[in-house]
Amino acid sequence: MFCRQRLAAYKVPSAFKIESELARNATGKVRKNLLVATVG
């Protein structure tokens, strides 16, 4: 609801997935390739 009221229709995500923690590399950056792999 929050997004639909404040964002353009094409920017509203189709789904949300809440993670307790994100995979990070040795320098502390988020490992985006693993994040994308878990979403689908």
Protein backbone atom coordinates (compact mmCIF):
# COMPACT_ATOMS: atom_id res chain seq x y z
CA MET A 1 0.00 0.00 0.00
CA PHE A 2 2.80 2.41 0.91
CA CYS A 3 4.57 1.89 -2.41
CA ARG A 4 1.43 2.09 -4.51
CA GLN A 5 0.58 5.46 -3.02
CA ARG A 6 4.04 6.94 -3.48
CA LEU A 7 5.63 5.29 -6.54
CA ALA A 8 4.86 5.00 -10.22
CA ALA A 9 3.18 1.71 -11.12
CA TYR A 10 6.28 0.32 -12.87
CA LYS A 11 8.43 0.92 -9.76
CA VAL A 12 6.17 -0.97 -7.34
CA PRO A 13 7.74 -4.34 -6.50
CA SER A 14 5.68 -7.43 -7.26
CA ALA A 15 6.86 -9.16 -4.06
CA PHE A 16 8.90 -8.60 -0.90
CA LYS A 17 11.13 -11.10 0.83
CA ILE A 18 12.38 -10.27 4.30
CA GLU A 19 15.72 -11.79 5.25
CA SER A 20 17.17 -11.91 8.75
CA GLU A 21 20.63 -11.16 7.34
CA LEU A 22 22.28 -10.72 3.95
CA ALA A 23 25.28 -12.62 2.62
CA ARG A 24 28.35 -10.39 2.72
CA ASN A 25 31.88 -10.71 1.43
CA ALA A 26 35.09 -10.17 3.40
CA THR A 27 34.88 -6.39 3.07
CA GLY A 28 31.27 -6.27 4.24
CA LYS A 29 29.60 -5.59 0.91
CA VAL A 30 26.37 -7.41 0.08
CA ARG A 31 26.89 -10.33 -2.30
CA LYS A 32 24.25 -9.33 -4.84
CA ASN A 33 24.71 -12.41 -7.00
CA LEU A 34 23.68 -14.65 -4.08
CA LEU A 35 20.79 -12.35 -3.25
CA VAL A 36 19.44 -12.56 -6.80
CA ALA A 37 19.88 -16.35 -6.80
CA THR A 38 17.73 -16.76 -3.67
CA VAL A 39 14.93 -14.55 -5.00
CA GLY A 40 14.54 -16.43 -8.14
